[in-house]
Structure formats: C-alpha cells, structure tokens
Amino acid sequence: MQITLDLPDQLAEKLAALPDPRRFVIDLLAESLTGGLSQDEWWVLLEDIEGVAVDTGVTDLAERHDHYLGAI
C-alpha cells in the first residue's frame, strides 16, 4: 500500500527534519487508528514538530531522500 500526503511546505520541512519521518508518520497513524490521537492532537503535534526534531547533520536529505529511505 502506498499513501501520499499533501502537506503545507512549512510542515513538510519540519517533518523532513526528523531522523525517520516515515516511521514517525506510520506510528502516529497506527496509534490514531487504534484510538490514540484525536484529529486536534495530531495537528498540535505536527505544528510543534520542531519540539521533537533531532539534528541529524544530514544536509542533503531533501535532494537524496531516496538514498536515505533505502537505508531503513
């Protein structure tokens, strides 16, 4: 299965700064589908994504995302 998300640029940039954004989104979706986060809680979390961001030192993630996804 493939899911495509259309996010505002600012939110996408914040999400991309996470060490494993794909896993982060999957975990949030799984938790939400099993009675975890409400829609409002999702937005609060995503709007404050800088609070959970980690500086990985990767400067070319946007350009070489396929390379880094292959490492998962």
PDB file of N, CA and C in Angstrom:
ATOM      1  N   MET A   1       0.843  -1.168   0.000  1.00  0.00           N
ATOM      2  CA  MET A   1       0.000   0.000   0.000  1.00  0.00           C
ATOM      3  C   MET A   1       0.890   1.233   0.000  1.00  0.00           C
ATOM      4  N   GLN A   2       0.455   2.236  -0.736  1.00  0.00           N
ATOM      5  CA  GLN A   2       1.174   3.498  -0.758  1.00  0.00           C
ATOM      6  C   GLN A   2       0.195   4.605  -0.410  1.00  0.00           C
ATOM      7  N   ILE A   3       0.628   5.486   0.475  1.00  0.00           N
ATOM      8  CA  ILE A   3      -0.179   6.632   0.883  1.00  0.00           C
ATOM      9  C   ILE A   3       0.617   7.884   0.560  1.00  0.00           C
ATOM     10  N   THR A   4      -0.028   8.839  -0.075  1.00  0.00           N
ATOM     11  CA  THR A   4       0.619  10.105  -0.400  1.00  0.00           C
ATOM     12  C   THR A   4      -0.008  11.201   0.429  1.00  0.00           C
ATOM     13  N   LEU A   5       0.831  11.982   1.089  1.00  0.00           N
ATOM     14  CA  LEU A   5       0.358  13.090   1.903  1.00  0.00           C
ATOM     15  C   LEU A   5       0.692  14.403   1.205  1.00  0.00           C
ATOM     16  N   ASP A   6      -0.259  15.291   1.169  1.00  0.00           N
ATOM     17  CA  ASP A   6      -0.038  16.629   0.619  1.00  0.00           C
ATOM     18  C   ASP A   6      -0.014  17.585   1.804  1.00  0.00           C
ATOM     19  N   LEU A   7       1.194  17.983   2.211  1.00  0.00           N
ATOM     20  CA  LEU A   7       1.378  18.830   3.385  1.00  0.00           C
ATOM     21  C   LEU A   7       1.797  20.230   2.981  1.00  0.00           C
ATOM     22  N   PRO A   8       1.442  21.216   3.790  1.00  0.00           N
ATOM     23  CA  PRO A   8       1.977  22.559   3.549  1.00  0.00           C
ATOM     24  C   PRO A   8       3.505  22.510   3.614  1.00  0.00           C
ATOM     25  N   ASP A   9       4.164  23.346   2.802  1.00  0.00           N
ATOM     26  CA  ASP A   9       5.627  23.327   2.725  1.00  0.00           C
ATOM     27  C   ASP A   9       6.295  23.434   4.090  1.00  0.00           C
ATOM     28  N   GLN A  10       5.817  24.340   4.922  1.00  0.00           N
ATOM     29  CA  GLN A  10       6.445  24.556   6.231  1.00  0.00           C
ATOM     30  C   GLN A  10       6.356  23.291   7.087  1.00  0.00           C
ATOM     31  N   LEU A  11       5.216  22.628   7.081  1.00  0.00           N
ATOM     32  CA  LEU A  11       5.054  21.406   7.858  1.00  0.00           C
ATOM     33  C   LEU A  11       5.900  20.276   7.275  1.00  0.00           C
ATOM     34  N   ALA A  12       5.955  20.191   5.952  1.00  0.00           N
ATOM     35  CA  ALA A  12       6.769  19.159   5.307  1.00  0.00           C
ATOM     36  C   ALA A  12       8.244  19.326   5.655  1.00  0.00           C
ATOM     37  N   GLU A  13       8.714  20.560   5.710  1.00  0.00           N
ATOM     38  CA  GLU A  13      10.113  20.814   6.072  1.00  0.00           C
ATOM     39  C   GLU A  13      10.393  20.360   7.499  1.00  0.00           C
ATOM     40  N   LYS A  14       9.479  20.632   8.387  1.00  0.00           N
ATOM     41  CA  LYS A  14       9.658  20.217   9.780  1.00  0.00           C
ATOM     42  C   LYS A  14       9.642  18.700   9.896  1.00  0.00           C
ATOM     43  N   LEU A  15       8.738  18.062   9.183  1.00  0.00           N
ATOM     44  CA  LEU A  15       8.657  16.605   9.212  1.00  0.00           C
ATOM     45  C   LEU A  15       9.922  15.987   8.631  1.00  0.00           C
ATOM     46  N   ALA A  16      10.433  16.566   7.561  1.00  0.00           N
ATOM     47  CA  ALA A  16      11.644  16.047   6.921  1.00  0.00           C
ATOM     48  C   ALA A  16      12.861  16.151   7.826  1.00  0.00           C
ATOM     49  N   ALA A  17      12.811  17.029   8.823  1.00  0.00           N
ATOM     50  CA  ALA A  17      13.944  17.196   9.736  1.00  0.00           C
ATOM     51  C   ALA A  17      14.054  16.053  10.748  1.00  0.00           C
ATOM     52  N   LEU A  18      13.029  15.241  10.856  1.00  0.00           N
ATOM     53  CA  LEU A  18      13.074  14.115  11.799  1.00  0.00           C
ATOM     54  C   LEU A  18      14.008  13.030  11.290  1.00  0.00           C
ATOM     55  N   PRO A  19      14.607  12.267  12.183  1.00  0.00           N
ATOM     56  CA  PRO A  19      15.534  11.215  11.760  1.00  0.00           C
ATOM     57  C   PRO A  19      14.859  10.143  10.900  1.00  0.00           C
ATOM     58  N   ASP A  20      13.607   9.833  11.176  1.00  0.00           N
ATOM     59  CA  ASP A  20      12.883   8.817  10.408  1.00  0.00           C
ATOM     60  C   ASP A  20      11.435   9.272  10.230  1.00  0.00           C
ATOM     61  N   PRO A  21      11.209  10.243   9.337  1.00  0.00           N
ATOM     62  CA  PRO A  21       9.866  10.805   9.200  1.00  0.00           C
ATOM     63  C   PRO A  21       8.817   9.779   8.780  1.00  0.00           C
ATOM     64  N   ARG A  22       9.203   8.835   7.949  1.00  0.00           N
ATOM     65  CA  ARG A  22       8.235   7.823   7.507  1.00  0.00           C
ATOM     66  C   ARG A  22       7.741   6.987   8.687  1.00  0.00           C
ATOM     67  N   ARG A  23       8.642   6.548   9.523  1.00  0.00           N
ATOM     68  CA  ARG A  23       8.278   5.750  10.701  1.00  0.00           C
ATOM     69  C   ARG A  23       7.437   6.584  11.666  1.00  0.00           C
ATOM     70  N   PHE A  24       7.799   7.873  11.824  1.00  0.00           N
ATOM     71  CA  PHE A  24       7.068   8.784  12.696  1.00  0.00           C
ATOM     72  C   PHE A  24       5.602   8.865  12.258  1.00  0.00           C
ATOM     73  N   VAL A  25       5.373   9.088  10.968  1.00  0.00           N
ATOM     74  CA  VAL A  25       4.006   9.207  10.452  1.00  0.00           C
ATOM     75  C   VAL A  25       3.261   7.882  10.578  1.00  0.00           C
ATOM     76  N   ILE A  26       3.909   6.793  10.268  1.00  0.00           N
ATOM     77  CA  ILE A  26       3.264   5.474  10.369  1.00  0.00           C
ATOM     78  C   ILE A  26       2.865   5.177  11.808  1.00  0.00           C
ATOM     79  N   ASP A  27       3.760   5.458  12.747  1.00  0.00           N
ATOM     80  CA  ASP A  27       3.447   5.232  14.155  1.00  0.00           C
ATOM     81  C   ASP A  27       2.270   6.094  14.616  1.00  0.00           C
ATOM     82  N   LEU A  28       2.253   7.354  14.179  1.00  0.00           N
ATOM     83  CA  LEU A  28       1.136   8.236  14.546  1.00  0.00           C
ATOM     84  C   LEU A  28      -0.179   7.748  13.944  1.00  0.00           C
ATOM     85  N   LEU A  29      -0.139   7.316  12.697  1.00  0.00           N
ATOM     86  CA  LEU A  29      -1.355   6.800  12.063  1.00  0.00           C
ATOM     87  C   LEU A  29      -1.856   5.546  12.781  1.00  0.00           C
ATOM     88  N   ALA A  30      -0.942   4.648  13.092  1.00  0.00           N
ATOM     89  CA  ALA A  30      -1.326   3.413  13.771  1.00  0.00           C
ATOM     90  C   ALA A  30      -1.940   3.709  15.129  1.00  0.00           C
ATOM     91  N   GLU A  31      -1.334   4.626  15.864  1.00  0.00           N
ATOM     92  CA  GLU A  31      -1.860   4.990  17.175  1.00  0.00           C
ATOM     93  C   GLU A  31      -3.232   5.647  17.040  1.00  0.00           C
ATOM     94  N   SER A  32      -3.366   6.500  16.039  1.00  0.00           N
ATOM     95  CA  SER A  32      -4.631   7.198  15.822  1.00  0.00           C
ATOM     96  C   SER A  32      -5.744   6.212  15.454  1.00  0.00           C
ATOM     97  N   LEU A  33      -5.427   5.252  14.618  1.00  0.00           N
ATOM     98  CA  LEU A  33      -6.427   4.280  14.170  1.00  0.00           C
ATOM     99  C   LEU A  33      -6.841   3.323  15.276  1.00  0.00           C
ATOM    100  N   THR A  34      -6.019   3.204  16.288  1.00  0.00           N
ATOM    101  CA  THR A  34      -6.339   2.302  17.403  1.00  0.00           C
ATOM    102  C   THR A  34      -6.828   3.081  18.623  1.00  0.00           C
ATOM    103  N   GLY A  35      -7.357   4.268  18.384  1.00  0.00           N
ATOM    104  CA  GLY A  35      -7.915   5.051  19.479  1.00  0.00           C
ATOM    105  C   GLY A  35      -6.909   5.968  20.145  1.00  0.00           C
ATOM    106  N   GLY A  36      -5.797   6.226  19.482  1.00  0.00           N
ATOM    107  CA  GLY A  36      -4.757   7.073  20.049  1.00  0.00           C
ATOM    108  C   GLY A  36      -5.095   8.546  19.977  1.00  0.00           C
ATOM    109  N   LEU A  37      -4.471   9.245  19.064  1.00  0.00           N
ATOM    110  CA  LEU A  37      -4.602  10.692  18.978  1.00  0.00           C
ATOM    111  C   LEU A  37      -5.878  11.124  18.259  1.00  0.00           C
ATOM    112  N   SER A  38      -6.477  12.184  18.764  1.00  0.00           N
ATOM    113  CA  SER A  38      -7.616  12.789  18.067  1.00  0.00           C
ATOM    114  C   SER A  38      -7.067  13.645  16.931  1.00  0.00           C
ATOM    115  N   GLN A  39      -7.946  14.107  16.056  1.00  0.00           N
ATOM    116  CA  GLN A  39      -7.504  14.959  14.951  1.00  0.00           C
ATOM    117  C   GLN A  39      -6.856  16.233  15.490  1.00  0.00           C
ATOM    118  N   ASP A  40      -7.429  16.804  16.529  1.00  0.00           N
ATOM    119  CA  ASP A  40      -6.844  18.011  17.129  1.00  0.00           C
ATOM    120  C   ASP A  40      -5.458  17.726  17.703  1.00  0.00           C
ATOM    121  N   GLU A  41      -5.299  16.572  18.360  1.00  0.00           N
ATOM    122  CA  GLU A  41      -3.994  16.213  18.924  1.00  0.00           C
ATOM    123  C   GLU A  41      -2.953  16.024  17.818  1.00  0.00           C
ATOM    124  N   TRP A  42      -3.374  15.460  16.687  1.00  0.00           N
ATOM    125  CA  TRP A  42      -2.489  15.302  15.529  1.00  0.00           C
ATOM    126  C   TRP A  42      -1.943  16.650  15.113  1.00  0.00           C
ATOM    127  N   TRP A  43      -2.845  17.623  14.941  1.00  0.00           N
ATOM    128  CA  TRP A  43      -2.423  18.936  14.458  1.00  0.00           C
ATOM    129  C   TRP A  43      -1.530  19.630  15.473  1.00  0.00           C
ATOM    130  N   VAL A  44      -1.825  19.502  16.746  1.00  0.00           N
ATOM    131  CA  VAL A  44      -0.970  20.101  17.771  1.00  0.00           C
ATOM    132  C   VAL A  44       0.429  19.501  17.680  1.00  0.00           C
ATOM    133  N   LEU A  45       0.506  18.190  17.550  1.00  0.00           N
ATOM    134  CA  LEU A  45       1.798  17.517  17.462  1.00  0.00           C
ATOM    135  C   LEU A  45       2.554  17.932  16.204  1.00  0.00           C
ATOM    136  N   LEU A  46       1.889  17.927  15.073  1.00  0.00           N
ATOM    137  CA  LEU A  46       2.562  18.265  13.826  1.00  0.00           C
ATOM    138  C   LEU A  46       2.962  19.737  13.765  1.00  0.00           C
ATOM    139  N   GLU A  47       2.156  20.606  14.366  1.00  0.00           N
ATOM    140  CA  GLU A  47       2.509  22.017  14.379  1.00  0.00           C
ATOM    141  C   GLU A  47       3.729  22.284  15.273  1.00  0.00           C
ATOM    142  N   ASP A  48       3.967  21.414  16.249  1.00  0.00           N
ATOM    143  CA  ASP A  48       5.111  21.572  17.146  1.00  0.00           C
ATOM    144  C   ASP A  48       6.175  20.517  16.857  1.00  0.00           C
ATOM    145  N   ILE A  49       6.302  20.143  15.605  1.00  0.00           N
ATOM    146  CA  ILE A  49       7.218  19.063  15.252  1.00  0.00           C
ATOM    147  C   ILE A  49       8.679  19.430  15.546  1.00  0.00           C
ATOM    148  N   GLU A  50       8.981  20.724  15.569  1.00  0.00           N
ATOM    149  CA  GLU A  50      10.342  21.138  15.911  1.00  0.00           C
ATOM    150  C   GLU A  50      10.705  20.708  17.321  1.00  0.00           C
ATOM    151  N   GLY A  51       9.706  20.550  18.175  1.00  0.00           N
ATOM    152  CA  GLY A  51       9.950  20.128  19.545  1.00  0.00           C
ATOM    153  C   GLY A  51      10.468  18.702  19.648  1.00  0.00           C
ATOM    154  N   VAL A  52      10.210  17.885  18.629  1.00  0.00           N
ATOM    155  CA  VAL A  52      10.695  16.507  18.641  1.00  0.00           C
ATOM    156  C   VAL A  52      11.753  16.265  17.570  1.00  0.00           C
ATOM    157  N   ALA A  53      12.092  17.316  16.818  1.00  0.00           N
ATOM    158  CA  ALA A  53      13.088  17.183  15.759  1.00  0.00           C
ATOM    159  C   ALA A  53      14.479  16.960  16.347  1.00  0.00           C
ATOM    160  N   VAL A  54      15.273  16.218  15.620  1.00  0.00           N
ATOM    161  CA  VAL A  54      16.646  15.933  16.012  1.00  0.00           C
ATOM    162  C   VAL A  54      17.556  16.341  14.862  1.00  0.00           C
ATOM    163  N   ASP A  55      18.615  17.071  15.168  1.00  0.00           N
ATOM    164  CA  ASP A  55      19.571  17.460  14.136  1.00  0.00           C
ATOM    165  C   ASP A  55      20.417  16.248  13.782  1.00  0.00           C
ATOM    166  N   THR A  56      20.244  15.729  12.577  1.00  0.00           N
ATOM    167  CA  THR A  56      20.975  14.543  12.147  1.00  0.00           C
ATOM    168  C   THR A  56      22.286  14.880  11.465  1.00  0.00           C
ATOM    169  N   GLY A  57      22.454  16.175  11.128  1.00  0.00           N
ATOM    170  CA  GLY A  57      23.651  16.561  10.397  1.00  0.00           C
ATOM    171  C   GLY A  57      23.553  16.263   8.915  1.00  0.00           C
ATOM    172  N   VAL A  58      22.440  15.680   8.476  1.00  0.00           N
ATOM    173  CA  VAL A  58      22.234  15.372   7.066  1.00  0.00           C
ATOM    174  C   VAL A  58      21.783  16.655   6.376  1.00  0.00           C
ATOM    175  N   THR A  59      22.588  17.147   5.451  1.00  0.00           N
ATOM    176  CA  THR A  59      22.269  18.416   4.794  1.00  0.00           C
ATOM    177  C   THR A  59      21.599  18.239   3.438  1.00  0.00           C
ATOM    178  N   ASP A  60      21.610  17.029   2.909  1.00  0.00           N
ATOM    179  CA  ASP A  60      21.048  16.819   1.576  1.00  0.00           C
ATOM    180  C   ASP A  60      19.841  15.888   1.590  1.00  0.00           C
ATOM    181  N   LEU A  61      19.131  15.836   2.710  1.00  0.00           N
ATOM    182  CA  LEU A  61      18.017  14.896   2.838  1.00  0.00           C
ATOM    183  C   LEU A  61      16.947  15.115   1.769  1.00  0.00           C
ATOM    184  N   ALA A  62      16.589  16.360   1.512  1.00  0.00           N
ATOM    185  CA  ALA A  62      15.551  16.628   0.516  1.00  0.00           C
ATOM    186  C   ALA A  62      15.996  16.200  -0.880  1.00  0.00           C
ATOM    187  N   GLU A  63      17.257  16.403  -1.192  1.00  0.00           N
ATOM    188  CA  GLU A  63      17.765  16.069  -2.525  1.00  0.00           C
ATOM    189  C   GLU A  63      18.017  14.573  -2.699  1.00  0.00           C
ATOM    190  N   ARG A  64      18.422  13.907  -1.623  1.00  0.00           N
ATOM    191  CA  ARG A  64      18.796  12.485  -1.721  1.00  0.00           C
ATOM    192  C   ARG A  64      17.926  11.612  -0.833  1.00  0.00           C
ATOM    193  N   HIS A  65      16.663  11.979  -0.679  1.00  0.00           N
ATOM    194  CA  HIS A  65      15.782  11.228   0.220  1.00  0.00           C
ATOM    195  C   HIS A  65      15.695   9.758  -0.155  1.00  0.00           C
ATOM    196  N   ASP A  66      15.740   9.445  -1.452  1.00  0.00           N
ATOM    197  CA  ASP A  66      15.663   8.052  -1.873  1.00  0.00           C
ATOM    198  C   ASP A  66      16.851   7.253  -1.346  1.00  0.00           C
ATOM    199  N   HIS A  67      18.015   7.869  -1.289  1.00  0.00           N
ATOM    200  CA  HIS A  67      19.200   7.209  -0.735  1.00  0.00           C
ATOM    201  C   HIS A  67      19.012   6.867   0.735  1.00  0.00           C
ATOM    202  N   TYR A  68      18.470   7.825   1.499  1.00  0.00           N
ATOM    203  CA  TYR A  68      18.312   7.614   2.933  1.00  0.00           C
ATOM    204  C   TYR A  68      17.138   6.672   3.227  1.00  0.00           C
ATOM    205  N   LEU A  69      16.083   6.694   2.421  1.00  0.00           N
ATOM    206  CA  LEU A  69      14.983   5.765   2.616  1.00  0.00           C
ATOM    207  C   LEU A  69      15.426   4.330   2.399  1.00  0.00           C
ATOM    208  N   GLY A  70      16.362   4.134   1.497  1.00  0.00           N
ATOM    209  CA  GLY A  70      16.885   2.795   1.240  1.00  0.00           C
ATOM    210  C   GLY A  70      17.657   2.235   2.432  1.00  0.00           C
ATOM    211  N   ALA A  71      18.076   3.101   3.328  1.00  0.00           N
ATOM    212  CA  ALA A  71      18.848   2.660   4.489  1.00  0.00           C
ATOM    213  C   ALA A  71      17.950   2.184   5.625  1.00  0.00           C
ATOM    214  N   ILE A  72      16.637   2.336   5.462  1.00  0.00           N
ATOM    215  CA  ILE A  72      15.702   1.943   6.532  1.00  0.00           C
ATOM    216  C   ILE A  72      15.570   0.441   6.576  1.00  0.00           C
TER     217      ILE A  72
END
